[in-house]
Amino acid sequence: MAPAPAPSRVEPARAVPPVADAAAAVDAPARTHVVRGGETLGRIAATYYGQANVTKGVKLILEANRDRVESASRLRINTELAIPPMK
């Protein structure tokens, strides 16, 4: 009788790294985010773009949602925001 094969090792799932190719990032579809109580644009930007890109992220989100957001300090709960890819 032949010995049983060794069980295969299962690797844990890894997060997808950010898109390195700027052209690919431009073609990526925008995500959406529904504002919940207590959230700020800064926190939302940090969630999607990382802490190092908060300022640029806030500007991108504001530009993409001019029709839904009056200012960065006036978010309404349940507003659906477009989250554009980082340029």
PDB file of N, CA and C in Angstrom:
ATOM      1  N   MET A   1       0.824  -1.173   0.000  1.00  0.00           N
ATOM      2  CA  MET A   1       0.000   0.000   0.000  1.00  0.00           C
ATOM      3  C   MET A   1       0.884   1.258   0.000  1.00  0.00           C
ATOM      4  N   ALA A   2       0.529   2.220  -0.819  1.00  0.00           N
ATOM      5  CA  ALA A   2       1.308   3.460  -0.906  1.00  0.00           C
ATOM      6  C   ALA A   2       0.914   4.375   0.249  1.00  0.00           C
ATOM      7  N   PRO A   3       1.869   5.159   0.775  1.00  0.00           N
ATOM      8  CA  PRO A   3       1.533   6.086   1.866  1.00  0.00           C
ATOM      9  C   PRO A   3       0.586   7.173   1.381  1.00  0.00           C
ATOM     10  N   ALA A   4      -0.259   7.652   2.251  1.00  0.00           N
ATOM     11  CA  ALA A   4      -1.215   8.714   1.916  1.00  0.00           C
ATOM     12  C   ALA A   4      -0.463  10.013   1.663  1.00  0.00           C
ATOM     13  N   PRO A   5      -0.918  10.822   0.709  1.00  0.00           N
ATOM     14  CA  PRO A   5      -0.241  12.102   0.448  1.00  0.00           C
ATOM     15  C   PRO A   5      -0.398  13.037   1.648  1.00  0.00           C
ATOM     16  N   ALA A   6       0.605  13.855   1.840  1.00  0.00           N
ATOM     17  CA  ALA A   6       0.572  14.826   2.943  1.00  0.00           C
ATOM     18  C   ALA A   6      -0.527  15.851   2.662  1.00  0.00           C
ATOM     19  N   PRO A   7      -1.235  16.282   3.707  1.00  0.00           N
ATOM     20  CA  PRO A   7      -2.281  17.285   3.478  1.00  0.00           C
ATOM     21  C   PRO A   7      -1.671  18.579   2.943  1.00  0.00           C
ATOM     22  N   SER A   8      -2.398  19.214   2.027  1.00  0.00           N
ATOM     23  CA  SER A   8      -1.885  20.462   1.476  1.00  0.00           C
ATOM     24  C   SER A   8      -2.070  21.586   2.490  1.00  0.00           C
ATOM     25  N   ARG A   9      -1.171  22.527   2.453  1.00  0.00           N
ATOM     26  CA  ARG A   9      -1.218  23.661   3.369  1.00  0.00           C
ATOM     27  C   ARG A   9      -2.074  24.753   2.742  1.00  0.00           C
ATOM     28  N   VAL A  10      -3.017  25.256   3.480  1.00  0.00           N
ATOM     29  CA  VAL A  10      -3.899  26.303   2.987  1.00  0.00           C
ATOM     30  C   VAL A  10      -3.371  27.644   3.455  1.00  0.00           C
ATOM     31  N   GLU A  11      -3.134  28.523   2.498  1.00  0.00           N
ATOM     32  CA  GLU A  11      -2.637  29.866   2.807  1.00  0.00           C
ATOM     33  C   GLU A  11      -3.811  30.765   3.180  1.00  0.00           C
ATOM     34  N   PRO A  12      -3.643  31.643   4.155  1.00  0.00           N
ATOM     35  CA  PRO A  12      -4.727  32.573   4.493  1.00  0.00           C
ATOM     36  C   PRO A  12      -4.943  33.570   3.362  1.00  0.00           C
ATOM     37  N   ALA A  13      -6.169  34.041   3.257  1.00  0.00           N
ATOM     38  CA  ALA A  13      -6.499  35.029   2.226  1.00  0.00           C
ATOM     39  C   ALA A  13      -5.743  36.318   2.496  1.00  0.00           C
ATOM     40  N   ARG A  14      -5.326  36.963   1.448  1.00  0.00           N
ATOM     41  CA  ARG A  14      -4.598  38.222   1.583  1.00  0.00           C
ATOM     42  C   ARG A  14      -5.408  39.350   0.969  1.00  0.00           C
ATOM     43  N   ALA A  15      -5.233  40.524   1.518  1.00  0.00           N
ATOM     44  CA  ALA A  15      -5.907  41.699   0.970  1.00  0.00           C
ATOM     45  C   ALA A  15      -5.313  42.012  -0.396  1.00  0.00           C
ATOM     46  N   VAL A  16      -6.129  42.509  -1.277  1.00  0.00           N
ATOM     47  CA  VAL A  16      -5.662  42.891  -2.602  1.00  0.00           C
ATOM     48  C   VAL A  16      -4.878  44.189  -2.473  1.00  0.00           C
ATOM     49  N   PRO A  17      -3.639  44.217  -2.974  1.00  0.00           N
ATOM     50  CA  PRO A  17      -2.853  45.446  -2.869  1.00  0.00           C
ATOM     51  C   PRO A  17      -3.445  46.558  -3.717  1.00  0.00           C
ATOM     52  N   PRO A  18      -3.148  47.819  -3.383  1.00  0.00           N
ATOM     53  CA  PRO A  18      -3.652  48.932  -4.190  1.00  0.00           C
ATOM     54  C   PRO A  18      -3.157  48.825  -5.624  1.00  0.00           C
ATOM     55  N   VAL A  19      -3.917  49.374  -6.534  1.00  0.00           N
ATOM     56  CA  VAL A  19      -3.545  49.340  -7.945  1.00  0.00           C
ATOM     57  C   VAL A  19      -2.332  50.231  -8.156  1.00  0.00           C
ATOM     58  N   ALA A  20      -1.267  49.660  -8.700  1.00  0.00           N
ATOM     59  CA  ALA A  20      -0.041  50.418  -8.925  1.00  0.00           C
ATOM     60  C   ALA A  20      -0.106  51.209 -10.223  1.00  0.00           C
ATOM     61  N   ASP A  21      -0.863  50.708 -11.171  1.00  0.00           N
ATOM     62  CA  ASP A  21      -0.952  51.338 -12.482  1.00  0.00           C
ATOM     63  C   ASP A  21      -2.015  52.445 -12.448  1.00  0.00           C
ATOM     64  N   ALA A  22      -1.608  53.666 -12.645  1.00  0.00           N
ATOM     65  CA  ALA A  22      -2.521  54.806 -12.574  1.00  0.00           C
ATOM     66  C   ALA A  22      -3.635  54.694 -13.607  1.00  0.00           C
ATOM     67  N   ALA A  23      -3.339  54.195 -14.785  1.00  0.00           N
ATOM     68  CA  ALA A  23      -4.360  54.053 -15.827  1.00  0.00           C
ATOM     69  C   ALA A  23      -5.431  53.062 -15.386  1.00  0.00           C
ATOM     70  N   ALA A  24      -5.034  51.995 -14.731  1.00  0.00           N
ATOM     71  CA  ALA A  24      -6.000  51.006 -14.246  1.00  0.00           C
ATOM     72  C   ALA A  24      -6.869  51.606 -13.149  1.00  0.00           C
ATOM     73  N   ALA A  25      -6.309  52.454 -12.315  1.00  0.00           N
ATOM     74  CA  ALA A  25      -7.065  53.074 -11.231  1.00  0.00           C
ATOM     75  C   ALA A  25      -8.129  54.024 -11.780  1.00  0.00           C
ATOM     76  N   VAL A  26      -7.820  54.724 -12.855  1.00  0.00           N
ATOM     77  CA  VAL A  26      -8.772  55.652 -13.456  1.00  0.00           C
ATOM     78  C   VAL A  26      -9.955  54.882 -14.020  1.00  0.00           C
ATOM     79  N   ASP A  27      -9.715  53.683 -14.583  1.00  0.00           N
ATOM     80  CA  ASP A  27     -10.766  52.887 -15.183  1.00  0.00           C
ATOM     81  C   ASP A  27     -11.597  52.129 -14.149  1.00  0.00           C
ATOM     82  N   ALA A  28     -11.128  52.070 -12.900  1.00  0.00           N
ATOM     83  CA  ALA A  28     -11.843  51.324 -11.871  1.00  0.00           C
ATOM     84  C   ALA A  28     -13.156  52.023 -11.537  1.00  0.00           C
ATOM     85  N   PRO A  29     -14.227  51.251 -11.338  1.00  0.00           N
ATOM     86  CA  PRO A  29     -15.509  51.873 -11.006  1.00  0.00           C
ATOM     87  C   PRO A  29     -15.488  52.454  -9.595  1.00  0.00           C
ATOM     88  N   ALA A  30     -16.257  53.501  -9.389  1.00  0.00           N
ATOM     89  CA  ALA A  30     -16.344  54.115  -8.063  1.00  0.00           C
ATOM     90  C   ALA A  30     -17.135  53.207  -7.134  1.00  0.00           C
ATOM     91  N   ARG A  31     -16.738  53.196  -5.865  1.00  0.00           N
ATOM     92  CA  ARG A  31     -17.496  52.481  -4.850  1.00  0.00           C
ATOM     93  C   ARG A  31     -18.463  53.464  -4.219  1.00  0.00           C
ATOM     94  N   THR A  32     -19.346  52.956  -3.391  1.00  0.00           N
ATOM     95  CA  THR A  32     -20.257  53.839  -2.676  1.00  0.00           C
ATOM     96  C   THR A  32     -20.165  53.556  -1.179  1.00  0.00           C
ATOM     97  N   HIS A  33     -20.566  54.548  -0.400  1.00  0.00           N
ATOM     98  CA  HIS A  33     -20.568  54.448   1.059  1.00  0.00           C
ATOM     99  C   HIS A  33     -21.798  55.182   1.571  1.00  0.00           C
ATOM    100  N   VAL A  34     -22.538  54.542   2.477  1.00  0.00           N
ATOM    101  CA  VAL A  34     -23.705  55.177   3.074  1.00  0.00           C
ATOM    102  C   VAL A  34     -23.287  55.732   4.434  1.00  0.00           C
ATOM    103  N   VAL A  35     -23.488  57.030   4.623  1.00  0.00           N
ATOM    104  CA  VAL A  35     -23.063  57.722   5.845  1.00  0.00           C
ATOM    105  C   VAL A  35     -23.886  57.223   7.036  1.00  0.00           C
ATOM    106  N   ARG A  36     -23.170  56.888   8.113  1.00  0.00           N
ATOM    107  CA  ARG A  36     -23.807  56.481   9.362  1.00  0.00           C
ATOM    108  C   ARG A  36     -23.584  57.559  10.410  1.00  0.00           C
ATOM    109  N   GLY A  37     -24.369  57.529  11.459  1.00  0.00           N
ATOM    110  CA  GLY A  37     -24.255  58.518  12.531  1.00  0.00           C
ATOM    111  C   GLY A  37     -22.858  58.582  13.111  1.00  0.00           C
ATOM    112  N   GLY A  38     -22.361  59.791  13.302  1.00  0.00           N
ATOM    113  CA  GLY A  38     -21.044  60.000  13.906  1.00  0.00           C
ATOM    114  C   GLY A  38     -19.878  59.953  12.938  1.00  0.00           C
ATOM    115  N   GLU A  39     -20.118  59.610  11.678  1.00  0.00           N
ATOM    116  CA  GLU A  39     -19.012  59.547  10.719  1.00  0.00           C
ATOM    117  C   GLU A  39     -18.638  60.943  10.227  1.00  0.00           C
ATOM    118  N   THR A  40     -17.376  61.089   9.887  1.00  0.00           N
ATOM    119  CA  THR A  40     -16.872  62.321   9.287  1.00  0.00           C
ATOM    120  C   THR A  40     -16.260  61.967   7.931  1.00  0.00           C
ATOM    121  N   LEU A  41     -16.095  62.959   7.083  1.00  0.00           N
ATOM    122  CA  LEU A  41     -15.435  62.698   5.799  1.00  0.00           C
ATOM    123  C   LEU A  41     -13.999  62.228   6.007  1.00  0.00           C
ATOM    124  N   GLY A  42     -13.356  62.753   7.042  1.00  0.00           N
ATOM    125  CA  GLY A  42     -11.986  62.319   7.340  1.00  0.00           C
ATOM    126  C   GLY A  42     -11.915  60.836   7.660  1.00  0.00           C
ATOM    127  N   ARG A  43     -12.847  60.366   8.471  1.00  0.00           N
ATOM    128  CA  ARG A  43     -12.860  58.931   8.817  1.00  0.00           C
ATOM    129  C   ARG A  43     -13.204  58.076   7.607  1.00  0.00           C
ATOM    130  N   ILE A  44     -14.145  58.539   6.808  1.00  0.00           N
ATOM    131  CA  ILE A  44     -14.517  57.801   5.600  1.00  0.00           C
ATOM    132  C   ILE A  44     -13.326  57.739   4.642  1.00  0.00           C
ATOM    133  N   ALA A  45     -12.652  58.871   4.457  1.00  0.00           N
ATOM    134  CA  ALA A  45     -11.474  58.909   3.568  1.00  0.00           C
ATOM    135  C   ALA A  45     -10.376  57.981   4.082  1.00  0.00           C
ATOM    136  N   ALA A  46     -10.151  57.958   5.389  1.00  0.00           N
ATOM    137  CA  ALA A  46      -9.128  57.078   5.961  1.00  0.00           C
ATOM    138  C   ALA A  46      -9.479  55.613   5.719  1.00  0.00           C
ATOM    139  N   THR A  47     -10.764  55.281   5.776  1.00  0.00           N
ATOM    140  CA  THR A  47     -11.199  53.906   5.547  1.00  0.00           C
ATOM    141  C   THR A  47     -10.881  53.451   4.128  1.00  0.00           C
ATOM    142  N   TYR A  48     -11.126  54.302   3.156  1.00  0.00           N
ATOM    143  CA  TYR A  48     -10.956  53.908   1.757  1.00  0.00           C
ATOM    144  C   TYR A  48      -9.576  54.205   1.178  1.00  0.00           C
ATOM    145  N   TYR A  49      -8.898  55.229   1.687  1.00  0.00           N
ATOM    146  CA  TYR A  49      -7.618  55.636   1.099  1.00  0.00           C
ATOM    147  C   TYR A  49      -6.428  55.486   2.039  1.00  0.00           C
ATOM    148  N   GLY A  50      -6.674  55.193   3.302  1.00  0.00           N
ATOM    149  CA  GLY A  50      -5.590  55.067   4.265  1.00  0.00           C
ATOM    150  C   GLY A  50      -5.316  56.399   4.959  1.00  0.00           C
ATOM    151  N   GLN A  51      -4.766  56.305   6.148  1.00  0.00           N
ATOM    152  CA  GLN A  51      -4.530  57.491   6.970  1.00  0.00           C
ATOM    153  C   GLN A  51      -3.595  58.496   6.293  1.00  0.00           C
ATOM    154  N   ALA A  52      -2.641  58.022   5.525  1.00  0.00           N
ATOM    155  CA  ALA A  52      -1.668  58.911   4.881  1.00  0.00           C
ATOM    156  C   ALA A  52      -2.293  59.760   3.767  1.00  0.00           C
ATOM    157  N   ASN A  53      -3.464  59.370   3.289  1.00  0.00           N
ATOM    158  CA  ASN A  53      -4.097  60.067   2.169  1.00  0.00           C
ATOM    159  C   ASN A  53      -5.417  60.736   2.538  1.00  0.00           C
ATOM    160  N   VAL A  54      -5.631  61.016   3.813  1.00  0.00           N
ATOM    161  CA  VAL A  54      -6.924  61.549   4.269  1.00  0.00           C
ATOM    162  C   VAL A  54      -7.259  62.879   3.591  1.00  0.00           C
ATOM    163  N   THR A  55      -6.355  63.833   3.582  1.00  0.00           N
ATOM    164  CA  THR A  55      -6.642  65.151   3.020  1.00  0.00           C
ATOM    165  C   THR A  55      -7.027  65.049   1.551  1.00  0.00           C
ATOM    166  N   LYS A  56      -6.246  64.317   0.781  1.00  0.00           N
ATOM    167  CA  LYS A  56      -6.553  64.145  -0.637  1.00  0.00           C
ATOM    168  C   LYS A  56      -7.857  63.369  -0.808  1.00  0.00           C
ATOM    169  N   GLY A  57      -8.085  62.373   0.049  1.00  0.00           N
ATOM    170  CA  GLY A  57      -9.307  61.581  -0.016  1.00  0.00           C
ATOM    171  C   GLY A  57     -10.550  62.409   0.254  1.00  0.00           C
ATOM    172  N   VAL A  58     -10.491  63.296   1.245  1.00  0.00           N
ATOM    173  CA  VAL A  58     -11.624  64.167   1.552  1.00  0.00           C
ATOM    174  C   VAL A  58     -11.938  65.034   0.339  1.00  0.00           C
ATOM    175  N   LYS A  59     -10.920  65.580  -0.299  1.00  0.00           N
ATOM    176  CA  LYS A  59     -11.132  66.422  -1.485  1.00  0.00           C
ATOM    177  C   LYS A  59     -11.768  65.623  -2.624  1.00  0.00           C
ATOM    178  N   LEU A  60     -11.288  64.390  -2.840  1.00  0.00           N
ATOM    179  CA  LEU A  60     -11.850  63.551  -3.898  1.00  0.00           C
ATOM    180  C   LEU A  60     -13.319  63.230  -3.637  1.00  0.00           C
ATOM    181  N   ILE A  61     -13.626  62.867  -2.396  1.00  0.00           N
ATOM    182  CA  ILE A  61     -15.014  62.531  -2.048  1.00  0.00           C
ATOM    183  C   ILE A  61     -15.911  63.758  -2.210  1.00  0.00           C
ATOM    184  N   LEU A  62     -15.443  64.920  -1.745  1.00  0.00           N
ATOM    185  CA  LEU A  62     -16.239  66.145  -1.897  1.00  0.00           C
ATOM    186  C   LEU A  62     -16.487  66.469  -3.366  1.00  0.00           C
ATOM    187  N   GLU A  63     -15.452  66.376  -4.191  1.00  0.00           N
ATOM    188  CA  GLU A  63     -15.598  66.674  -5.618  1.00  0.00           C
ATOM    189  C   GLU A  63     -16.590  65.726  -6.287  1.00  0.00           C
ATOM    190  N   ALA A  64     -16.551  64.463  -5.905  1.00  0.00           N
ATOM    191  CA  ALA A  64     -17.421  63.465  -6.517  1.00  0.00           C
ATOM    192  C   ALA A  64     -18.869  63.564  -6.038  1.00  0.00           C
ATOM    193  N   ASN A  65     -19.089  64.278  -4.927  1.00  0.00           N
ATOM    194  CA  ASN A  65     -20.425  64.329  -4.324  1.00  0.00           C
ATOM    195  C   ASN A  65     -20.926  65.747  -4.112  1.00  0.00           C
ATOM    196  N   ARG A  66     -20.535  66.671  -4.969  1.00  0.00           N
ATOM    197  CA  ARG A  66     -20.951  68.078  -4.819  1.00  0.00           C
ATOM    198  C   ARG A  66     -22.461  68.239  -4.767  1.00  0.00           C
ATOM    199  N   ASP A  67     -23.174  67.363  -5.449  1.00  0.00           N
ATOM    200  CA  ASP A  67     -24.635  67.453  -5.475  1.00  0.00           C
ATOM    201  C   ASP A  67     -25.295  66.891  -4.213  1.00  0.00           C
ATOM    202  N   ARG A  68     -24.522  66.190  -3.364  1.00  0.00           N
ATOM    203  CA  ARG A  68     -25.092  65.551  -2.174  1.00  0.00           C
ATOM    204  C   ARG A  68     -24.544  66.080  -0.859  1.00  0.00           C
ATOM    205  N   VAL A  69     -23.393  66.754  -0.907  1.00  0.00           N
ATOM    206  CA  VAL A  69     -22.739  67.211   0.326  1.00  0.00           C
ATOM    207  C   VAL A  69     -22.480  68.713   0.224  1.00  0.00           C
ATOM    208  N   GLU A  70     -22.994  69.461   1.202  1.00  0.00           N
ATOM    209  CA  GLU A  70     -22.797  70.913   1.207  1.00  0.00           C
ATOM    210  C   GLU A  70     -21.362  71.273   1.574  1.00  0.00           C
ATOM    211  N   SER A  71     -20.845  70.632   2.628  1.00  0.00           N
ATOM    212  CA  SER A  71     -19.477  70.873   3.063  1.00  0.00           C
ATOM    213  C   SER A  71     -18.988  69.648   3.824  1.00  0.00           C
ATOM    214  N   ALA A  72     -17.688  69.597   4.050  1.00  0.00           N
ATOM    215  CA  ALA A  72     -17.099  68.452   4.751  1.00  0.00           C
ATOM    216  C   ALA A  72     -17.647  68.302   6.161  1.00  0.00           C
ATOM    217  N   SER A  73     -18.102  69.377   6.762  1.00  0.00           N
ATOM    218  CA  SER A  73     -18.598  69.326   8.138  1.00  0.00           C
ATOM    219  C   SER A  73     -20.104  69.096   8.224  1.00  0.00           C
ATOM    220  N   ARG A  74     -20.778  68.957   7.087  1.00  0.00           N
ATOM    221  CA  ARG A  74     -22.238  68.788   7.103  1.00  0.00           C
ATOM    222  C   ARG A  74     -22.659  67.531   6.356  1.00  0.00           C
ATOM    223  N   LEU A  75     -22.402  66.380   6.945  1.00  0.00           N
ATOM    224  CA  LEU A  75     -22.826  65.116   6.353  1.00  0.00           C
ATOM    225  C   LEU A  75     -24.185  64.734   6.910  1.00  0.00           C
ATOM    226  N   ARG A  76     -25.034  64.224   6.054  1.00  0.00           N
ATOM    227  CA  ARG A  76     -26.351  63.766   6.497  1.00  0.00           C
ATOM    228  C   ARG A  76     -26.350  62.240   6.551  1.00  0.00           C
ATOM    229  N   ILE A  77     -26.920  61.704   7.625  1.00  0.00           N
ATOM    230  CA  ILE A  77     -27.021  60.263   7.783  1.00  0.00           C
ATOM    231  C   ILE A  77     -27.822  59.695   6.616  1.00  0.00           C
ATOM    232  N   ASN A  78     -27.412  58.517   6.153  1.00  0.00           N
ATOM    233  CA  ASN A  78     -28.022  57.770   5.041  1.00  0.00           C
ATOM    234  C   ASN A  78     -27.749  58.366   3.665  1.00  0.00           C
ATOM    235  N   THR A  79     -26.882  59.363   3.574  1.00  0.00           N
ATOM    236  CA  THR A  79     -26.483  59.884   2.266  1.00  0.00           C
ATOM    237  C   THR A  79     -25.545  58.870   1.619  1.00  0.00           C
ATOM    238  N   GLU A  80     -25.819  58.514   0.378  1.00  0.00           N
ATOM    239  CA  GLU A  80     -24.952  57.596  -0.342  1.00  0.00           C
ATOM    240  C   GLU A  80     -23.880  58.399  -1.069  1.00  0.00           C
ATOM    241  N   LEU A  81     -22.633  58.157  -0.705  1.00  0.00           N
ATOM    242  CA  LEU A  81     -21.502  58.887  -1.281  1.00  0.00           C
ATOM    243  C   LEU A  81     -20.790  58.009  -2.314  1.00  0.00           C
ATOM    244  N   ALA A  82     -20.395  58.611  -3.413  1.00  0.00           N
ATOM    245  CA  ALA A  82     -19.524  57.937  -4.372  1.00  0.00           C
ATOM    246  C   ALA A  82     -18.101  58.041  -3.833  1.00  0.00           C
ATOM    247  N   ILE A  83     -17.384  56.937  -3.852  1.00  0.00           N
ATOM    248  CA  ILE A  83     -15.981  56.913  -3.400  1.00  0.00           C
ATOM    249  C   ILE A  83     -15.128  56.644  -4.636  1.00  0.00           C
ATOM    250  N   PRO A  84     -14.590  57.706  -5.242  1.00  0.00           N
ATOM    251  CA  PRO A  84     -13.823  57.530  -6.482  1.00  0.00           C
ATOM    252  C   PRO A  84     -12.458  56.905  -6.194  1.00  0.00           C
ATOM    253  N   PRO A  85     -11.847  56.292  -7.205  1.00  0.00           N
ATOM    254  CA  PRO A  85     -10.499  55.752  -7.020  1.00  0.00           C
ATOM    255  C   PRO A  85      -9.499  56.891  -6.828  1.00  0.00           C
ATOM    256  N   MET A  86      -8.429  56.632  -6.104  1.00  0.00           N
ATOM    257  CA  MET A  86      -7.376  57.620  -5.872  1.00  0.00           C
ATOM    258  C   MET A  86      -6.704  57.903  -7.216  1.00  0.00           C
ATOM    259  N   LYS A  87      -6.527  59.182  -7.531  1.00  0.00           N
ATOM    260  CA  LYS A  87      -5.909  59.588  -8.798  1.00  0.00           C
ATOM    261  C   LYS A  87      -4.414  59.639  -8.649  1.00  0.00           C
TER     262      LYS A  87
END
